[in-house]
Amino acid sequence: MKSIRIAALAGLVAASAAQAQVVGVGDSSATWLGYMNVFNLPGDGGAFQFGSPWGTNDLNSSFNDGAHTLTLSPNTIGDPNPYWYIGGGGPGQAGNKIMEANLYQETTGVYVGTNLTFQGFVMTNSFTAAHSTIAFIKDFASDYSSFTTTSVALTPGAFSITLATSADAGHHIQFGFQTTGVNVWFTDTAPFGNAVITTIPTPGALCLLGLGGLVATRRRRA
């Protein structure tokens, strides 16, 4: 009777796992992508200016694999053109744009038709009111014409968000971080703060992976 109960429990867990996936932050070896959206300041109407792929370093995101951390910092532009800085760029000059930096991983047809959970742990967040940062999951249509999303503001401690993704194998699933705020001259970032996220899996994710391993072990023994 006991073996029947164990088999039934394993079956329930396996069925649940088939409809749920958990992803973590991952270190610098993961396939990270960068995308920047630029807007006018709210006082200038806030109109969208342009969006384009950016290198992850250009987003002011940096990994320290030895310390198992990812640091998100304010967005900078080294161009002194008044387009970017009020009165021209230089130390102490106010930024003239709102920059939305997206650091993310993307798959196509991998996490479709599932309840995808993105988990992590925020060690610190010292951003001032000039910037905000979130964790997100996005489910894009195959032609990127539309998407569904879920997100959470990064506050110190654990975060976990879940999105029920489309079963369409052509959909693109993204998960990662978005930092939004006024651009800052590269020597002036410190007063604006940053967010530090650990790249080690959260205990909850480890427990789920361990449970999956237990079920797999029971299957092999059977």
N, C-alpha and C. Protein backbone atom coordinates (compact mmCIF):
# COMPACT_ATOMS: atom_id res chain seq x y z
N MET A 1 0.82 -1.20 0.00
CA MET A 1 0.00 0.00 0.00
C MET A 1 0.86 1.26 0.00
N LYS A 2 1.97 1.20 0.78
CA LYS A 2 2.85 2.37 0.86
C LYS A 2 3.43 2.69 -0.51
N SER A 3 3.84 1.61 -1.25
CA SER A 3 4.43 1.85 -2.57
C SER A 3 3.42 2.44 -3.53
N ILE A 4 2.13 2.09 -3.37
CA ILE A 4 1.09 2.65 -4.21
C ILE A 4 0.95 4.14 -3.95
N ARG A 5 0.98 4.50 -2.64
CA ARG A 5 0.87 5.93 -2.28
C ARG A 5 2.04 6.72 -2.87
N ILE A 6 3.26 6.15 -2.77
CA ILE A 6 4.45 6.83 -3.30
C ILE A 6 4.33 7.02 -4.80
N ALA A 7 3.87 5.95 -5.48
CA ALA A 7 3.72 6.04 -6.94
C ALA A 7 2.69 7.08 -7.32
N ALA A 8 1.59 7.15 -6.55
CA ALA A 8 0.56 8.14 -6.84
C ALA A 8 1.09 9.55 -6.63
N LEU A 9 1.87 9.76 -5.53
CA LEU A 9 2.46 11.07 -5.27
C LEU A 9 3.43 11.45 -6.37
N ALA A 10 4.25 10.50 -6.79
CA ALA A 10 5.20 10.78 -7.86
C ALA A 10 4.49 11.16 -9.15
N GLY A 11 3.36 10.48 -9.42
CA GLY A 11 2.60 10.80 -10.61
C GLY A 11 2.02 12.19 -10.57
N LEU A 12 1.53 12.60 -9.39
CA LEU A 12 0.97 13.94 -9.25
C LEU A 12 2.04 15.00 -9.42
N VAL A 13 3.20 14.77 -8.80
CA VAL A 13 4.30 15.74 -8.91
C VAL A 13 4.77 15.83 -10.35
N ALA A 14 4.89 14.67 -11.03
CA ALA A 14 5.35 14.68 -12.43
C ALA A 14 4.36 15.43 -13.31
N ALA A 15 3.07 15.24 -13.09
CA ALA A 15 2.06 15.94 -13.88
C ALA A 15 2.13 17.43 -13.65
N SER A 16 2.34 17.81 -12.38
CA SER A 16 2.45 19.23 -12.04
C SER A 16 3.68 19.83 -12.68
N ALA A 17 4.81 19.08 -12.60
CA ALA A 17 6.07 19.59 -13.15
C ALA A 17 5.98 19.77 -14.65
N ALA A 18 5.17 18.93 -15.31
CA ALA A 18 5.03 19.05 -16.76
C ALA A 18 4.36 20.35 -17.16
N GLN A 19 3.63 20.97 -16.24
CA GLN A 19 2.92 22.19 -16.55
C GLN A 19 3.53 23.40 -15.84
N ALA A 20 4.69 23.22 -15.22
CA ALA A 20 5.34 24.33 -14.52
C ALA A 20 6.84 24.26 -14.73
N GLN A 21 7.44 25.41 -14.93
CA GLN A 21 8.88 25.52 -15.09
C GLN A 21 9.37 26.65 -14.20
N VAL A 22 10.55 26.46 -13.61
CA VAL A 22 11.15 27.48 -12.76
C VAL A 22 12.50 27.87 -13.34
N VAL A 23 12.72 29.17 -13.53
CA VAL A 23 14.02 29.67 -13.99
C VAL A 23 14.57 30.65 -12.97
N GLY A 24 15.90 30.71 -12.89
CA GLY A 24 16.56 31.64 -11.99
C GLY A 24 17.32 32.69 -12.77
N VAL A 25 18.12 33.46 -12.07
CA VAL A 25 18.82 34.58 -12.69
C VAL A 25 19.93 34.08 -13.61
N GLY A 26 20.76 33.20 -13.12
CA GLY A 26 21.88 32.73 -13.93
C GLY A 26 23.03 33.73 -13.92
N ASP A 27 24.25 33.25 -14.18
CA ASP A 27 25.41 34.13 -14.14
C ASP A 27 25.74 34.66 -15.54
N SER A 28 26.96 35.16 -15.70
CA SER A 28 27.33 35.80 -16.97
C SER A 28 27.43 34.83 -18.13
N SER A 29 27.48 33.52 -17.82
CA SER A 29 27.58 32.54 -18.89
C SER A 29 26.24 32.29 -19.58
N ALA A 30 25.15 32.75 -18.98
CA ALA A 30 23.84 32.61 -19.61
C ALA A 30 23.76 33.52 -20.83
N THR A 31 22.82 33.22 -21.73
CA THR A 31 22.70 34.00 -22.97
C THR A 31 21.88 35.26 -22.70
N TRP A 32 22.55 36.28 -22.21
CA TRP A 32 21.88 37.55 -21.89
C TRP A 32 21.83 38.44 -23.11
N LEU A 33 20.72 39.15 -23.26
CA LEU A 33 20.53 40.11 -24.33
C LEU A 33 20.20 41.48 -23.72
N GLY A 34 20.43 42.53 -24.50
CA GLY A 34 20.12 43.88 -24.03
C GLY A 34 19.29 44.63 -25.05
N TYR A 35 18.34 45.41 -24.57
CA TYR A 35 17.53 46.26 -25.45
C TYR A 35 17.22 47.56 -24.72
N MET A 36 17.40 48.68 -25.42
CA MET A 36 17.17 50.00 -24.81
C MET A 36 16.03 50.73 -25.52
N ASN A 37 15.08 51.19 -24.74
CA ASN A 37 14.05 52.10 -25.24
C ASN A 37 14.31 53.48 -24.66
N VAL A 38 14.18 54.51 -25.49
CA VAL A 38 14.48 55.88 -25.08
C VAL A 38 13.25 56.75 -25.27
N PHE A 39 12.96 57.59 -24.26
CA PHE A 39 11.79 58.47 -24.27
C PHE A 39 12.21 59.88 -23.91
N ASN A 40 11.41 60.86 -24.32
CA ASN A 40 11.60 62.23 -23.83
C ASN A 40 11.26 62.28 -22.34
N LEU A 41 11.74 63.31 -21.68
CA LEU A 41 11.39 63.52 -20.28
C LEU A 41 9.88 63.75 -20.15
N PRO A 42 9.29 63.38 -19.03
CA PRO A 42 7.85 63.63 -18.83
C PRO A 42 7.48 65.09 -19.08
N GLY A 43 8.35 66.03 -18.66
CA GLY A 43 8.07 67.44 -18.85
C GLY A 43 8.07 67.86 -20.31
N ASP A 44 8.67 67.03 -21.15
CA ASP A 44 8.69 67.30 -22.59
C ASP A 44 7.68 66.43 -23.34
N GLY A 45 6.76 65.84 -22.60
CA GLY A 45 5.71 65.03 -23.22
C GLY A 45 5.92 63.53 -23.13
N GLY A 46 7.14 63.10 -22.84
CA GLY A 46 7.41 61.68 -22.64
C GLY A 46 7.31 60.81 -23.88
N ALA A 47 7.36 61.39 -25.07
CA ALA A 47 7.18 60.63 -26.32
C ALA A 47 8.31 59.62 -26.51
N PHE A 48 7.95 58.47 -27.06
CA PHE A 48 8.94 57.45 -27.42
C PHE A 48 9.86 58.00 -28.50
N GLN A 49 11.16 57.78 -28.35
CA GLN A 49 12.14 58.25 -29.31
C GLN A 49 12.66 57.12 -30.21
N PHE A 50 13.17 56.08 -29.62
CA PHE A 50 13.63 54.94 -30.41
C PHE A 50 13.92 53.76 -29.48
N GLY A 51 14.05 52.59 -30.09
CA GLY A 51 14.44 51.39 -29.36
C GLY A 51 15.42 50.61 -30.21
N SER A 52 16.43 49.98 -29.59
CA SER A 52 17.41 49.22 -30.35
C SER A 52 18.16 48.26 -29.43
N PRO A 53 18.71 47.18 -30.00
CA PRO A 53 19.53 46.27 -29.20
C PRO A 53 20.77 46.99 -28.68
N TRP A 54 21.14 46.71 -27.45
CA TRP A 54 22.35 47.27 -26.84
C TRP A 54 23.14 46.13 -26.23
N GLY A 55 24.45 46.31 -26.15
CA GLY A 55 25.28 45.37 -25.42
C GLY A 55 24.93 45.40 -23.94
N THR A 56 25.06 44.27 -23.28
CA THR A 56 24.68 44.22 -21.86
C THR A 56 25.53 45.15 -21.00
N ASN A 57 26.81 45.32 -21.36
CA ASN A 57 27.65 46.25 -20.61
C ASN A 57 27.18 47.69 -20.79
N ASP A 58 26.66 48.01 -21.98
CA ASP A 58 26.17 49.36 -22.24
C ASP A 58 24.92 49.68 -21.43
N LEU A 59 24.25 48.63 -20.94
CA LEU A 59 23.08 48.84 -20.09
C LEU A 59 23.47 49.13 -18.65
N ASN A 60 24.76 49.16 -18.36
CA ASN A 60 25.26 49.32 -16.99
C ASN A 60 24.77 48.19 -16.09
N SER A 61 24.86 46.99 -16.63
CA SER A 61 24.63 45.78 -15.84
C SER A 61 25.94 45.02 -15.78
N SER A 62 26.32 44.56 -14.61
CA SER A 62 27.62 43.89 -14.49
C SER A 62 27.50 42.66 -13.59
N PHE A 63 28.12 41.58 -14.05
CA PHE A 63 28.14 40.33 -13.28
C PHE A 63 29.48 40.21 -12.55
N ASN A 64 29.40 39.69 -11.34
CA ASN A 64 30.59 39.28 -10.59
C ASN A 64 30.37 37.82 -10.25
N ASP A 65 30.87 36.94 -11.13
CA ASP A 65 30.59 35.52 -10.95
C ASP A 65 31.25 34.97 -9.69
N GLY A 66 32.38 35.55 -9.29
CA GLY A 66 33.02 35.10 -8.06
C GLY A 66 32.18 35.37 -6.82
N ALA A 67 31.50 36.51 -6.83
CA ALA A 67 30.64 36.89 -5.70
C ALA A 67 29.19 36.47 -5.92
N HIS A 68 28.89 35.89 -7.08
CA HIS A 68 27.53 35.42 -7.43
C HIS A 68 26.53 36.58 -7.40
N THR A 69 26.91 37.69 -8.04
CA THR A 69 26.01 38.85 -8.04
C THR A 69 25.85 39.44 -9.44
N LEU A 70 24.73 40.10 -9.60
CA LEU A 70 24.44 40.94 -10.77
C LEU A 70 24.08 42.32 -10.24
N THR A 71 24.75 43.35 -10.75
CA THR A 71 24.48 44.72 -10.30
C THR A 71 23.86 45.52 -11.44
N LEU A 72 22.72 46.13 -11.17
CA LEU A 72 22.04 47.01 -12.13
C LEU A 72 22.25 48.45 -11.69
N SER A 73 22.78 49.28 -12.57
CA SER A 73 23.10 50.67 -12.23
C SER A 73 22.36 51.62 -13.17
N PRO A 74 22.33 52.93 -12.84
CA PRO A 74 21.66 53.90 -13.72
C PRO A 74 22.25 53.90 -15.12
N ASN A 75 21.42 54.23 -16.08
CA ASN A 75 21.85 54.23 -17.48
C ASN A 75 22.66 55.49 -17.79
N THR A 76 23.75 55.31 -18.50
CA THR A 76 24.64 56.43 -18.82
C THR A 76 24.80 56.58 -20.33
N ILE A 77 25.12 57.78 -20.74
CA ILE A 77 25.45 58.09 -22.13
C ILE A 77 26.69 58.99 -22.10
N GLY A 78 27.72 58.62 -22.85
CA GLY A 78 28.95 59.42 -22.87
C GLY A 78 28.95 60.52 -23.90
N ASP A 79 27.84 60.70 -24.61
CA ASP A 79 27.73 61.71 -25.66
C ASP A 79 27.32 63.05 -25.04
N PRO A 80 28.11 64.12 -25.20
CA PRO A 80 27.78 65.41 -24.58
C PRO A 80 26.71 66.20 -25.33
N ASN A 81 26.19 65.66 -26.41
CA ASN A 81 25.18 66.37 -27.21
C ASN A 81 23.99 66.77 -26.34
N PRO A 82 23.47 67.99 -26.51
CA PRO A 82 22.30 68.44 -25.72
C PRO A 82 21.06 67.57 -25.91
N TYR A 83 21.07 66.75 -26.95
CA TYR A 83 19.97 65.78 -27.09
C TYR A 83 19.90 64.90 -25.85
N TRP A 84 21.07 64.58 -25.29
CA TRP A 84 21.13 63.68 -24.15
C TRP A 84 21.19 64.40 -22.81
N TYR A 85 21.77 65.58 -22.77
CA TYR A 85 21.94 66.29 -21.50
C TYR A 85 21.51 67.74 -21.64
N ILE A 86 20.80 68.22 -20.67
CA ILE A 86 20.35 69.60 -20.69
C ILE A 86 21.56 70.52 -20.60
N GLY A 87 21.76 71.33 -21.62
CA GLY A 87 22.91 72.22 -21.65
C GLY A 87 24.19 71.56 -22.11
N GLY A 88 24.13 70.27 -22.48
CA GLY A 88 25.33 69.55 -22.92
C GLY A 88 25.86 68.64 -21.82
N GLY A 89 26.43 67.52 -22.22
CA GLY A 89 26.88 66.52 -21.25
C GLY A 89 28.17 66.87 -20.55
N GLY A 90 28.31 66.35 -19.34
CA GLY A 90 29.49 66.54 -18.52
C GLY A 90 29.15 66.26 -17.08
N PRO A 91 30.14 66.17 -16.20
CA PRO A 91 29.86 65.91 -14.79
C PRO A 91 28.87 66.93 -14.21
N GLY A 92 27.85 66.43 -13.54
CA GLY A 92 26.88 67.29 -12.89
C GLY A 92 25.73 67.73 -13.77
N GLN A 93 25.80 67.47 -15.07
CA GLN A 93 24.73 67.88 -15.98
C GLN A 93 23.53 66.94 -15.88
N ALA A 94 22.34 67.52 -15.96
CA ALA A 94 21.11 66.74 -15.84
C ALA A 94 20.79 66.03 -17.15
N GLY A 95 20.35 64.78 -17.05
CA GLY A 95 19.99 64.01 -18.22
C GLY A 95 18.76 64.58 -18.91
N ASN A 96 18.66 64.36 -20.21
CA ASN A 96 17.57 64.93 -21.01
C ASN A 96 16.66 63.85 -21.61
N LYS A 97 16.85 62.59 -21.18
CA LYS A 97 16.04 61.49 -21.70
C LYS A 97 15.72 60.50 -20.57
N ILE A 98 14.64 59.74 -20.77
CA ILE A 98 14.33 58.60 -19.93
C ILE A 98 14.76 57.36 -20.68
N MET A 99 15.56 56.53 -20.03
CA MET A 99 16.09 55.34 -20.67
C MET A 99 15.54 54.10 -19.97
N GLU A 100 15.03 53.17 -20.77
CA GLU A 100 14.48 51.91 -20.26
C GLU A 100 15.39 50.78 -20.72
N ALA A 101 16.22 50.31 -19.82
CA ALA A 101 17.20 49.27 -20.14
C ALA A 101 16.63 47.90 -19.80
N ASN A 102 16.60 47.01 -20.80
CA ASN A 102 16.08 45.66 -20.62
C ASN A 102 17.21 44.65 -20.75
N LEU A 103 17.48 43.93 -19.68
CA LEU A 103 18.47 42.86 -19.64
C LEU A 103 17.71 41.56 -19.48
N TYR A 104 17.83 40.65 -20.45
CA TYR A 104 16.94 39.50 -20.42
C TYR A 104 17.52 38.30 -21.16
N GLN A 105 16.94 37.15 -20.89
CA GLN A 105 17.18 35.94 -21.66
C GLN A 105 15.93 35.65 -22.49
N GLU A 106 16.12 35.07 -23.65
CA GLU A 106 14.99 34.80 -24.53
C GLU A 106 15.09 33.40 -25.11
N THR A 107 13.96 32.71 -25.15
CA THR A 107 13.86 31.42 -25.82
C THR A 107 12.67 31.45 -26.77
N THR A 108 12.69 30.60 -27.77
CA THR A 108 11.57 30.46 -28.70
C THR A 108 11.09 29.02 -28.68
N GLY A 109 9.85 28.82 -28.31
CA GLY A 109 9.27 27.48 -28.28
C GLY A 109 9.71 26.60 -27.14
N VAL A 110 10.42 27.17 -26.15
CA VAL A 110 10.94 26.35 -25.05
C VAL A 110 10.01 26.36 -23.85
N TYR A 111 9.63 27.53 -23.36
CA TYR A 111 8.79 27.62 -22.17
C TYR A 111 7.34 27.92 -22.53
N VAL A 112 6.90 27.46 -23.69
CA VAL A 112 5.52 27.71 -24.11
C VAL A 112 4.59 26.69 -23.47
N GLY A 113 3.32 27.10 -23.29
CA GLY A 113 2.31 26.20 -22.75
C GLY A 113 2.58 25.75 -21.34
N THR A 114 3.13 26.63 -20.52
CA THR A 114 3.48 26.26 -19.15
C THR A 114 3.23 27.41 -18.21
N ASN A 115 3.27 27.15 -16.93
CA ASN A 115 3.28 28.20 -15.91
C ASN A 115 4.75 28.46 -15.59
N LEU A 116 5.30 29.50 -16.17
CA LEU A 116 6.72 29.80 -16.01
C LEU A 116 6.93 30.71 -14.80
N THR A 117 7.79 30.29 -13.89
CA THR A 117 8.11 31.07 -12.69
C THR A 117 9.55 31.55 -12.77
N PHE A 118 9.75 32.84 -12.55
CA PHE A 118 11.08 33.44 -12.51
C PHE A 118 11.34 33.84 -11.07
N GLN A 119 12.40 33.27 -10.48
CA GLN A 119 12.71 33.50 -9.07
C GLN A 119 14.11 34.08 -8.90
N GLY A 120 14.30 34.83 -7.83
CA GLY A 120 15.61 35.36 -7.51
C GLY A 120 15.61 36.00 -6.14
N PHE A 121 16.74 36.60 -5.79
CA PHE A 121 16.87 37.24 -4.48
C PHE A 121 17.62 38.56 -4.64
N VAL A 122 16.98 39.64 -4.20
CA VAL A 122 17.57 40.98 -4.26
C VAL A 122 18.33 41.23 -2.96
N MET A 123 19.62 41.41 -3.06
CA MET A 123 20.44 41.64 -1.86
C MET A 123 20.24 43.06 -1.35
N THR A 124 20.31 44.04 -2.27
CA THR A 124 20.11 45.44 -1.90
C THR A 124 19.48 46.18 -3.07
N ASN A 125 18.76 47.26 -2.76
CA ASN A 125 18.25 48.18 -3.79
C ASN A 125 18.31 49.58 -3.21
N SER A 126 19.29 50.35 -3.67
CA SER A 126 19.48 51.72 -3.17
C SER A 126 19.13 52.77 -4.21
N PHE A 127 18.43 52.35 -5.28
CA PHE A 127 18.03 53.33 -6.29
C PHE A 127 17.21 54.46 -5.66
N THR A 128 17.44 55.69 -6.11
CA THR A 128 16.64 56.83 -5.68
C THR A 128 15.35 56.87 -6.50
N ALA A 129 14.52 57.85 -6.23
CA ALA A 129 13.25 57.99 -6.95
C ALA A 129 13.45 58.28 -8.43
N ALA A 130 14.67 58.61 -8.84
CA ALA A 130 14.94 58.91 -10.25
C ALA A 130 14.95 57.66 -11.11
N HIS A 131 15.01 56.47 -10.48
CA HIS A 131 15.07 55.23 -11.23
C HIS A 131 14.20 54.17 -10.57
N SER A 132 13.71 53.25 -11.39
CA SER A 132 12.98 52.09 -10.88
C SER A 132 13.49 50.85 -11.58
N THR A 133 13.35 49.70 -10.95
CA THR A 133 13.81 48.47 -11.56
C THR A 133 12.87 47.34 -11.20
N ILE A 134 12.60 46.48 -12.18
CA ILE A 134 11.64 45.39 -12.01
C ILE A 134 12.22 44.09 -12.56
N ALA A 135 11.66 42.97 -12.12
CA ALA A 135 11.85 41.68 -12.76
C ALA A 135 10.62 41.40 -13.60
N PHE A 136 10.79 40.78 -14.77
CA PHE A 136 9.63 40.56 -15.63
C PHE A 136 9.71 39.22 -16.36
N ILE A 137 8.56 38.76 -16.81
CA ILE A 137 8.43 37.70 -17.80
C ILE A 137 7.56 38.26 -18.91
N LYS A 138 7.94 38.05 -20.17
CA LYS A 138 7.13 38.49 -21.30
C LYS A 138 6.95 37.33 -22.27
N ASP A 139 5.74 37.21 -22.80
CA ASP A 139 5.39 36.19 -23.78
C ASP A 139 5.00 36.90 -25.07
N PHE A 140 5.92 36.93 -26.06
CA PHE A 140 5.70 37.63 -27.32
C PHE A 140 5.12 36.71 -28.38
N ALA A 141 4.23 37.26 -29.21
CA ALA A 141 3.77 36.56 -30.39
C ALA A 141 4.95 36.29 -31.32
N SER A 142 4.78 35.37 -32.26
CA SER A 142 5.89 34.98 -33.12
C SER A 142 6.48 36.15 -33.92
N ASP A 143 5.64 37.14 -34.24
CA ASP A 143 6.13 38.31 -34.99
C ASP A 143 6.40 39.51 -34.09
N TYR A 144 6.38 39.31 -32.78
CA TYR A 144 6.64 40.35 -31.78
C TYR A 144 5.62 41.48 -31.82
N SER A 145 4.46 41.24 -32.44
CA SER A 145 3.46 42.30 -32.57
C SER A 145 2.69 42.55 -31.29
N SER A 146 2.68 41.60 -30.38
CA SER A 146 1.95 41.74 -29.12
C SER A 146 2.60 40.85 -28.08
N PHE A 147 2.27 41.13 -26.82
CA PHE A 147 2.82 40.29 -25.76
C PHE A 147 1.96 40.40 -24.51
N THR A 148 2.10 39.40 -23.66
CA THR A 148 1.55 39.44 -22.31
C THR A 148 2.74 39.47 -21.36
N THR A 149 2.53 40.03 -20.18
CA THR A 149 3.66 40.17 -19.26
C THR A 149 3.20 40.17 -17.82
N THR A 150 4.13 39.86 -16.95
CA THR A 150 3.95 40.05 -15.52
C THR A 150 5.27 40.57 -14.97
N SER A 151 5.22 41.34 -13.90
CA SER A 151 6.44 41.94 -13.35
C SER A 151 6.27 42.22 -11.86
N VAL A 152 7.39 42.49 -11.22
CA VAL A 152 7.37 42.86 -9.80
C VAL A 152 8.53 43.82 -9.56
N ALA A 153 8.28 44.83 -8.74
CA ALA A 153 9.34 45.77 -8.37
C ALA A 153 10.38 45.05 -7.53
N LEU A 154 11.66 45.38 -7.75
CA LEU A 154 12.72 44.73 -7.00
C LEU A 154 12.92 45.42 -5.65
N THR A 155 12.55 44.73 -4.60
CA THR A 155 12.79 45.18 -3.24
C THR A 155 13.66 44.13 -2.56
N PRO A 156 14.45 44.52 -1.56
CA PRO A 156 15.33 43.55 -0.91
C PRO A 156 14.56 42.31 -0.43
N GLY A 157 15.13 41.15 -0.73
CA GLY A 157 14.49 39.89 -0.38
C GLY A 157 14.18 39.08 -1.62
N ALA A 158 13.48 37.99 -1.43
CA ALA A 158 13.16 37.08 -2.53
C ALA A 158 12.05 37.66 -3.40
N PHE A 159 12.14 37.35 -4.70
CA PHE A 159 11.03 37.68 -5.61
C PHE A 159 10.67 36.43 -6.39
N SER A 160 9.41 36.35 -6.80
CA SER A 160 8.92 35.21 -7.58
C SER A 160 7.71 35.67 -8.37
N ILE A 161 7.76 35.53 -9.68
CA ILE A 161 6.62 35.89 -10.54
C ILE A 161 6.33 34.71 -11.46
N THR A 162 5.06 34.55 -11.84
CA THR A 162 4.65 33.43 -12.68
C THR A 162 3.75 33.94 -13.79
N LEU A 163 3.97 33.42 -15.00
CA LEU A 163 3.14 33.77 -16.15
C LEU A 163 2.72 32.49 -16.87
N ALA A 164 1.42 32.36 -17.13
CA ALA A 164 0.92 31.25 -17.93
C ALA A 164 1.16 31.60 -19.40
N THR A 165 2.06 30.87 -20.05
CA THR A 165 2.46 31.21 -21.41
C THR A 165 1.61 30.49 -22.45
N SER A 166 1.59 31.07 -23.64
CA SER A 166 0.85 30.49 -24.75
C SER A 166 1.46 29.15 -25.16
N ALA A 167 0.63 28.27 -25.68
CA ALA A 167 1.11 26.97 -26.17
C ALA A 167 1.66 27.06 -27.60
N ASP A 168 1.61 28.22 -28.21
CA ASP A 168 2.09 28.41 -29.58
C ASP A 168 3.62 28.25 -29.60
N ALA A 169 4.09 27.27 -30.36
CA ALA A 169 5.53 26.97 -30.40
C ALA A 169 6.35 28.10 -31.01
N GLY A 170 5.71 29.03 -31.69
CA GLY A 170 6.43 30.15 -32.28
C GLY A 170 6.62 31.32 -31.36
N HIS A 171 6.06 31.26 -30.15
CA HIS A 171 6.16 32.40 -29.23
C HIS A 171 7.57 32.52 -28.64
N HIS A 172 7.93 33.77 -28.35
CA HIS A 172 9.23 34.09 -27.76
C HIS A 172 9.01 34.44 -26.28
N ILE A 173 9.69 33.73 -25.41
CA ILE A 173 9.54 33.96 -23.97
C ILE A 173 10.80 34.66 -23.45
N GLN A 174 10.59 35.79 -22.80
CA GLN A 174 11.70 36.54 -22.21
C GLN A 174 11.52 36.61 -20.70
N PHE A 175 12.64 36.58 -19.97
CA PHE A 175 12.61 36.86 -18.54
C PHE A 175 13.90 37.58 -18.17
N GLY A 176 13.77 38.57 -17.27
CA GLY A 176 14.94 39.35 -16.90
C GLY A 176 14.57 40.58 -16.11
N PHE A 177 15.31 41.67 -16.36
CA PHE A 177 15.18 42.88 -15.54
C PHE A 177 15.08 44.12 -16.42
N GLN A 178 14.35 45.10 -15.91
CA GLN A 178 14.17 46.37 -16.61
C GLN A 178 14.46 47.50 -15.63
N THR A 179 15.39 48.38 -16.02
CA THR A 179 15.75 49.54 -15.20
C THR A 179 15.41 50.80 -15.98
N THR A 180 14.61 51.65 -15.38
CA THR A 180 14.09 52.84 -16.07
C THR A 180 14.40 54.09 -15.28
N GLY A 181 14.87 55.12 -15.98
CA GLY A 181 15.12 56.40 -15.31
C GLY A 181 15.90 57.34 -16.19
N VAL A 182 16.14 58.52 -15.67
CA VAL A 182 16.86 59.55 -16.41
C VAL A 182 18.31 59.13 -16.63
N ASN A 183 18.86 59.45 -17.81
CA ASN A 183 20.25 59.14 -18.06
C ASN A 183 21.16 60.00 -17.20
N VAL A 184 22.30 59.42 -16.84
CA VAL A 184 23.23 60.04 -15.89
C VAL A 184 24.63 60.04 -16.51
N TRP A 185 25.37 61.12 -16.32
CA TRP A 185 26.75 61.14 -16.78
C TRP A 185 27.53 60.06 -16.03
N PHE A 186 28.46 59.39 -16.73
CA PHE A 186 29.06 58.16 -16.20
C PHE A 186 29.83 58.37 -14.89
N THR A 187 30.26 59.58 -14.60
CA THR A 187 30.97 59.81 -13.32
C THR A 187 30.00 60.13 -12.19
N ASP A 188 28.70 60.22 -12.48
CA ASP A 188 27.73 60.69 -11.49
C ASP A 188 26.76 59.60 -11.03
N THR A 189 27.06 58.33 -11.30
CA THR A 189 26.07 57.28 -11.03
C THR A 189 25.90 56.97 -9.54
N ALA A 190 26.96 57.07 -8.76
CA ALA A 190 26.91 56.60 -7.37
C ALA A 190 25.76 57.20 -6.55
N PRO A 191 25.51 58.51 -6.60
CA PRO A 191 24.42 59.06 -5.78
C PRO A 191 23.03 58.55 -6.17
N PHE A 192 22.91 57.96 -7.35
CA PHE A 192 21.60 57.48 -7.80
C PHE A 192 21.32 56.05 -7.37
N GLY A 193 22.33 55.37 -6.78
CA GLY A 193 22.13 54.03 -6.24
C GLY A 193 22.20 52.93 -7.28
N ASN A 194 21.88 51.71 -6.85
CA ASN A 194 21.88 50.55 -7.74
C ASN A 194 21.09 49.42 -7.08
N ALA A 195 20.98 48.31 -7.77
CA ALA A 195 20.35 47.11 -7.22
C ALA A 195 21.31 45.95 -7.41
N VAL A 196 21.46 45.14 -6.38
CA VAL A 196 22.36 43.98 -6.42
C VAL A 196 21.53 42.72 -6.21
N ILE A 197 21.64 41.81 -7.16
CA ILE A 197 20.84 40.58 -7.15
C ILE A 197 21.79 39.39 -7.10
N THR A 198 21.49 38.41 -6.26
CA THR A 198 22.34 37.22 -6.23
C THR A 198 21.99 36.32 -7.40
N THR A 199 23.01 35.67 -7.98
CA THR A 199 22.79 34.75 -9.09
C THR A 199 22.69 33.30 -8.61
N ILE A 200 22.73 33.08 -7.30
CA ILE A 200 22.54 31.73 -6.75
C ILE A 200 21.06 31.44 -6.70
N PRO A 201 20.61 30.23 -7.10
CA PRO A 201 19.18 29.92 -7.06
C PRO A 201 18.60 30.09 -5.66
N THR A 202 17.35 30.54 -5.61
CA THR A 202 16.68 30.71 -4.32
C THR A 202 16.37 29.36 -3.70
N PRO A 203 16.24 29.31 -2.35
CA PRO A 203 15.92 28.03 -1.70
C PRO A 203 14.67 27.37 -2.26
N GLY A 204 13.66 28.16 -2.61
CA GLY A 204 12.43 27.59 -3.16
C GLY A 204 12.68 26.86 -4.46
N ALA A 205 13.51 27.46 -5.33
CA ALA A 205 13.82 26.82 -6.62
C ALA A 205 14.63 25.56 -6.40
N LEU A 206 15.56 25.60 -5.43
CA LEU A 206 16.36 24.41 -5.15
C LEU A 206 15.49 23.29 -4.62
N CYS A 207 14.52 23.62 -3.78
CA CYS A 207 13.62 22.60 -3.25
C CYS A 207 12.82 21.96 -4.37
N LEU A 208 12.34 22.79 -5.31
CA LEU A 208 11.56 22.25 -6.42
C LEU A 208 12.41 21.35 -7.30
N LEU A 209 13.66 21.78 -7.55
CA LEU A 209 14.55 20.94 -8.33
C LEU A 209 14.86 19.65 -7.61
N GLY A 210 15.02 19.74 -6.28
CA GLY A 210 15.29 18.54 -5.49
C GLY A 210 14.13 17.58 -5.51
N LEU A 211 12.92 18.10 -5.46
CA LEU A 211 11.73 17.26 -5.52
C LEU A 211 11.63 16.58 -6.87
N GLY A 212 11.95 17.31 -7.94
CA GLY A 212 11.95 16.71 -9.26
C GLY A 212 12.97 15.59 -9.36
N GLY A 213 14.15 15.80 -8.71
CA GLY A 213 15.17 14.76 -8.70
C GLY A 213 14.72 13.54 -7.94
N LEU A 214 13.98 13.75 -6.83
CA LEU A 214 13.46 12.64 -6.04
C LEU A 214 12.50 11.80 -6.86
N VAL A 215 11.62 12.48 -7.61
CA VAL A 215 10.67 11.76 -8.45
C VAL A 215 11.41 10.97 -9.52
N ALA A 216 12.45 11.60 -10.13
CA ALA A 216 13.21 10.91 -11.17
C ALA A 216 13.90 9.68 -10.60
N THR A 217 14.42 9.81 -9.36
CA THR A 217 15.08 8.68 -8.72
C THR A 217 14.12 7.54 -8.50
N ARG A 218 12.92 7.87 -8.01
CA ARG A 218 11.92 6.84 -7.79
C ARG A 218 11.53 6.16 -9.09
N ARG A 219 11.50 6.94 -10.19
CA ARG A 219 11.18 6.34 -11.47
C ARG A 219 12.26 5.36 -11.89
N ARG A 220 13.53 5.73 -11.69
CA ARG A 220 14.61 4.84 -12.09
C ARG A 220 14.58 3.55 -11.28
N ARG A 221 14.31 3.70 -9.97
CA ARG A 221 14.27 2.51 -9.12
C ARG A 221 13.09 1.61 -9.49
N ALA A 222 12.02 2.22 -9.97
CA ALA A 222 10.87 1.41 -10.35
C ALA A 222 11.21 0.57 -11.58
